[in-house]
């Protein structure tokens, strides 16, 4: 994909945009704008991570896969973050797989170069470590959420998260895919989605979801959504969404 020089003046990825201008400009020669098509695998469990990605209008799922082939989403990355965290933590493999859940674009960077930049210290290292802490908080909150909260609350939280990362109230998602990401049966997703639909919060047609009443959907979601929003704002100085300033 041809390089758009305007992206380097105001990068659409919020993590990159949070860097001081001088640090970001040092990364510019090593960043490549790439397409991220649906279902593309960015790294496989147990295999070396050769590149990291800073998504724009795309969503990447981080999933864990069991011996029987069943999967569950353990993380989600879009324009608020980076795909390939193990690279800056002293290793280049992990037990999870990253693949594109919603197609779009992103900035690709050689893993070795990012590691070298991280090891220089300074603003890049501080920002990425804060991002790692924010992701850790999101993962920890997700574990408690999956254990303690009902499916309708979890589905509302997940739909709000996807909406925030895409900065859109409309996006393509099938119930089968949602069931895989939430680690539940498709029948459970059907019931939960129907509950939200009957209440006028969402509409669902042929693999396309629209959020109709965001305020009610936020009220239906468990507190985990707000906890994660506030933690991103505290650690990184921005919300993982386009709802500037709204964290309560």
Protein backbone atom coordinates (compact mmCIF):
# COMPACT_ATOMS: atom_id res chain seq x y z
CA UNK A 1 0.00 0.00 0.00
CA UNK A 2 1.45 3.45 -0.89
CA UNK A 3 2.75 5.42 2.06
CA UNK A 4 0.56 8.34 3.09
CA UNK A 5 2.89 11.01 4.41
CA UNK A 6 0.01 12.75 6.19
CA UNK A 7 -0.22 9.80 8.57
CA UNK A 8 3.15 10.77 9.96
CA UNK A 9 2.02 14.28 10.77
CA UNK A 10 -0.94 13.09 12.81
CA UNK A 11 -0.82 9.29 13.21
CA UNK A 12 -4.29 7.72 13.48
CA UNK A 13 -3.01 5.18 16.00
CA UNK A 14 -3.40 6.80 19.42
CA UNK A 15 -0.41 5.04 20.95
CA UNK A 16 1.87 6.43 18.28
CA UNK A 17 0.18 9.83 18.52
CA UNK A 18 0.92 9.94 22.27
CA UNK A 19 4.67 9.91 21.61
CA UNK A 20 6.65 13.17 21.63
CA UNK A 21 7.06 14.41 18.06
CA UNK A 22 10.82 13.81 18.05
CA UNK A 23 10.45 10.18 19.15
CA UNK A 24 7.69 9.54 16.64
CA UNK A 25 9.68 11.04 13.79
CA UNK A 26 12.53 8.66 14.64
CA UNK A 27 10.15 5.75 14.06
CA UNK A 28 8.74 7.10 10.80
CA UNK A 29 11.35 5.56 8.44
CA UNK A 30 10.63 2.13 9.93
CA UNK A 31 6.82 2.26 9.74
CA UNK A 32 4.98 0.79 6.77
CA UNK A 33 1.29 1.30 6.05
CA UNK A 34 -0.28 -2.10 5.32
CA UNK A 35 -3.72 -3.54 4.68
CA UNK A 36 -5.07 -5.84 7.37
CA UNK A 37 -7.64 -8.09 5.64
CA UNK A 38 -10.23 -10.10 7.53
CA UNK A 39 -8.85 -13.22 9.28
CA UNK A 40 -5.22 -12.40 8.50
CA UNK A 41 -2.99 -13.95 11.16
CA UNK A 42 -0.46 -11.45 12.49
CA UNK A 43 1.31 -13.99 14.69
CA UNK A 44 0.72 -17.62 15.63
CA UNK A 45 1.00 -19.19 19.06
CA UNK A 46 4.47 -20.60 19.61
CA UNK A 47 5.97 -18.99 16.50
CA UNK A 48 8.41 -16.05 16.42
CA UNK A 49 6.84 -12.59 16.19
CA UNK A 50 8.69 -10.87 13.35
CA UNK A 51 6.60 -7.70 13.09
CA UNK A 52 4.51 -5.52 15.36
CA UNK A 53 1.40 -3.63 14.25
CA UNK A 54 -0.23 -0.36 15.23
CA UNK A 55 -3.80 -0.68 13.87
CA UNK A 56 -5.91 2.17 12.56
CA UNK A 57 -9.52 1.40 11.54
CA UNK A 58 -9.18 -2.32 12.14
CA UNK A 59 -9.68 -4.64 15.09
CA UNK A 60 -7.32 -7.48 16.03
CA UNK A 61 -8.34 -10.28 18.38
CA UNK A 62 -5.85 -11.98 20.67
CA UNK A 63 -7.16 -15.50 21.26
CA UNK A 64 -6.18 -18.58 23.16
CA UNK A 65 -6.90 -22.01 21.63
CA UNK A 66 -7.53 -25.20 23.57
CA UNK A 67 -6.57 -28.76 22.57
CA UNK A 68 -10.08 -29.44 21.24
CA UNK A 69 -9.85 -26.40 18.96
CA UNK A 70 -12.18 -24.17 20.95
CA UNK A 71 -11.12 -20.54 21.26
CA UNK A 72 -11.71 -17.59 23.55
CA UNK A 73 -10.72 -14.00 23.09
CA UNK A 74 -8.36 -12.73 25.78
CA UNK A 75 -7.58 -9.34 24.26
CA UNK A 76 -8.59 -6.87 21.60
CA UNK A 77 -6.38 -4.28 19.90
CA UNK A 78 -7.26 -1.43 17.58
CA UNK A 79 -6.18 2.18 17.22
CA UNK A 80 -5.49 2.50 20.95
CA UNK A 81 -2.59 0.06 20.98
CA UNK A 82 -0.07 -2.33 19.52
CA UNK A 83 -0.08 -5.98 18.45
CA UNK A 84 3.08 -7.82 19.53
CA UNK A 85 3.67 -6.96 23.20
CA UNK A 86 6.04 -9.93 23.85
CA UNK A 87 8.62 -8.22 21.61
CA UNK A 88 9.25 -5.49 24.19
CA UNK A 89 9.17 -7.89 27.15
CA UNK A 90 12.35 -9.74 26.22
CA UNK A 91 10.84 -12.55 24.14
CA UNK A 92 9.25 -13.01 20.72
CA UNK A 93 6.80 -15.89 21.21
CA UNK A 94 3.58 -16.32 23.14
CA UNK A 95 0.79 -18.86 23.73
CA UNK A 96 -1.82 -16.72 21.97
CA UNK A 97 -2.66 -16.04 18.33
CA UNK A 98 -3.44 -12.61 16.86
CA UNK A 99 -5.72 -12.29 13.86
CA UNK A 100 -7.75 -9.57 12.20
CA UNK A 101 -11.34 -9.55 13.42
CA UNK A 102 -12.47 -6.49 11.43
CA UNK A 103 -10.52 -5.53 8.31
CA UNK A 104 -8.76 -2.20 7.92
CA UNK A 105 -5.22 -0.90 7.90
CA UNK A 106 -2.32 -0.37 10.25
CA UNK A 107 1.33 0.53 10.58
CA UNK A 108 3.75 -2.40 10.47
CA UNK A 109 7.23 -2.31 12.02
CA UNK A 110 10.07 -4.79 12.23
CA UNK A 111 10.07 -6.35 15.71
CA UNK A 112 13.83 -6.04 16.15
CA UNK A 113 13.74 -2.32 15.42
CA UNK A 114 10.99 -1.66 17.94
CA UNK A 115 12.86 -3.71 20.53
CA UNK A 116 15.98 -1.64 19.95
CA UNK A 117 14.02 1.60 20.27
CA UNK A 118 12.38 0.35 23.46
CA UNK A 119 15.76 -0.57 24.96
CA UNK A 120 16.97 2.99 24.42
CA UNK A 121 14.67 4.02 27.24
CA UNK A 122 13.05 7.41 27.37
CA UNK A 123 9.53 8.31 26.30
CA UNK A 124 9.01 5.30 24.03
CA UNK A 125 9.85 2.85 26.78
CA UNK A 126 7.71 4.67 29.35
CA UNK A 127 4.70 4.87 27.05
CA UNK A 128 4.87 1.21 26.01
CA UNK A 129 5.26 0.06 29.61
CA UNK A 130 2.19 2.09 30.55
CA UNK A 131 0.38 0.45 27.65
CA UNK A 132 1.40 -2.99 28.91
CA UNK A 133 0.02 -2.10 32.34
CA UNK A 134 -3.25 -0.91 30.79
CA UNK A 135 -3.55 -4.19 28.85
CA UNK A 136 -2.76 -6.17 32.00
CA UNK A 137 -5.54 -4.32 33.81
CA UNK A 138 -7.92 -5.04 30.93
CA UNK A 139 -7.04 -8.75 30.99
CA UNK A 140 -7.41 -8.96 34.78
CA UNK A 141 -10.75 -7.18 34.68
CA UNK A 142 -11.86 -9.50 31.89
CA UNK A 143 -11.13 -12.60 33.96
CA UNK A 144 -13.32 -11.32 36.78
CA UNK A 145 -16.00 -10.21 34.33
CA UNK A 146 -16.21 -13.62 32.64
CA UNK A 147 -16.51 -15.32 36.01
CA UNK A 148 -18.95 -13.00 37.77
CA UNK A 149 -21.14 -11.19 35.25
CA UNK A 150 -24.08 -12.42 33.21
CA UNK A 151 -23.80 -12.80 29.45
CA UNK A 152 -25.98 -9.79 28.60
CA UNK A 153 -23.64 -7.53 30.60
CA UNK A 154 -20.54 -9.07 29.03
CA UNK A 155 -21.97 -8.79 25.52
CA UNK A 156 -22.84 -5.13 26.11
CA UNK A 157 -19.31 -4.47 27.34
CA UNK A 158 -17.76 -6.25 24.37
CA UNK A 159 -19.93 -4.44 21.80
CA UNK A 160 -19.09 -1.09 23.40
CA UNK A 161 -15.40 -1.97 23.27
CA UNK A 162 -15.51 -2.89 19.58
CA UNK A 163 -17.52 0.27 18.84
CA UNK A 164 -14.97 2.41 20.67
CA UNK A 165 -11.98 0.89 18.93
CA UNK A 166 -13.59 1.28 15.49
CA UNK A 167 -15.03 4.69 16.38
CA UNK A 168 -18.30 3.58 14.81
CA UNK A 169 -21.74 2.49 15.95
CA UNK A 170 -22.04 0.06 13.00
CA UNK A 171 -19.76 -2.90 12.35
CA UNK A 172 -19.74 -6.40 10.81
CA UNK A 173 -19.90 -9.25 13.35
CA UNK A 174 -21.62 -12.62 13.20
CA UNK A 175 -23.13 -14.32 16.23
CA UNK A 176 -20.89 -17.31 15.60
CA UNK A 177 -17.83 -15.11 15.75
CA UNK A 178 -19.06 -13.34 18.91
CA UNK A 179 -19.63 -16.72 20.58
CA UNK A 180 -16.04 -17.72 19.80
CA UNK A 181 -14.68 -14.47 21.17
CA UNK A 182 -16.74 -14.64 24.37
CA UNK A 183 -16.08 -18.35 24.81
CA UNK A 184 -19.77 -19.27 25.02
CA UNK A 185 -22.26 -21.24 22.93
CA UNK A 186 -23.81 -19.51 19.95
CA UNK A 187 -27.27 -20.15 21.40
CA UNK A 188 -26.28 -18.08 24.45
CA UNK A 189 -25.19 -15.18 22.25
CA UNK A 190 -28.47 -15.42 20.32
CA UNK A 191 -30.49 -15.09 23.52
CA UNK A 192 -28.35 -12.25 24.89
CA UNK A 193 -28.37 -10.36 21.58
CA UNK A 194 -32.14 -10.79 21.32
CA UNK A 195 -32.53 -9.30 24.81
CA UNK A 196 -30.50 -6.24 23.85
CA UNK A 197 -32.34 -5.97 20.52
CA UNK A 198 -35.81 -6.14 22.09
CA UNK A 199 -34.78 -3.39 24.49
CA UNK A 200 -33.90 -1.19 21.51
CA UNK A 201 -30.17 -1.01 22.30
CA UNK A 202 -28.89 -2.77 19.17
CA UNK A 203 -30.06 -4.14 15.85
CA UNK A 204 -28.64 -7.24 14.23
CA UNK A 205 -29.04 -8.22 10.57
CA UNK A 206 -27.04 -10.65 8.45
CA UNK A 207 -23.80 -10.35 10.36
CA UNK A 208 -24.08 -6.58 10.87
CA UNK A 209 -24.59 -4.94 14.26
CA UNK A 210 -25.72 -1.37 14.91
CA UNK A 211 -25.77 0.28 18.32
CA UNK A 212 -29.05 2.19 18.51
CA UNK A 213 -29.01 3.42 22.11
CA UNK A 214 -25.49 3.75 23.47
CA UNK A 215 -26.59 5.26 26.78
CA UNK A 216 -28.77 2.26 27.61
CA UNK A 217 -26.11 -0.16 26.40
CA UNK A 218 -23.57 1.45 28.74
CA UNK A 219 -26.08 1.20 31.57
CA UNK A 220 -26.59 -2.49 30.78
CA UNK A 221 -22.86 -3.22 30.65
CA UNK A 222 -21.13 -4.24 33.83
CA UNK A 223 -18.75 -1.84 35.58
CA UNK A 224 -15.80 -3.47 33.82
CA UNK A 225 -16.27 -1.24 30.78
CA UNK A 226 -15.90 1.94 32.84
CA UNK A 227 -13.02 0.55 34.90
CA UNK A 228 -11.00 -0.19 31.76
CA UNK A 229 -11.81 3.21 30.23
CA UNK A 230 -10.57 5.02 33.32
CA UNK A 231 -7.39 2.95 33.54
CA UNK A 232 -6.44 3.71 29.93
CA UNK A 233 -7.05 7.41 30.56
CA UNK A 234 -4.97 7.34 33.76
CA UNK A 235 -2.01 5.48 32.30
CA UNK A 236 -1.91 6.78 28.73
CA UNK A 237 -3.67 10.12 28.84
CA UNK A 238 -6.34 9.09 26.35
CA UNK A 239 -9.47 6.97 26.20
CA UNK A 240 -9.49 3.85 24.00
CA UNK A 241 -12.40 5.44 22.13
CA UNK A 242 -13.55 8.62 20.42
CA UNK A 243 -15.70 9.63 23.41
CA UNK A 244 -13.31 12.34 24.53
CA UNK A 245 -13.52 13.00 28.21
CA UNK A 246 -16.42 10.64 28.90
CA UNK A 247 -15.24 7.96 31.29
CA UNK A 248 -18.18 7.75 33.68
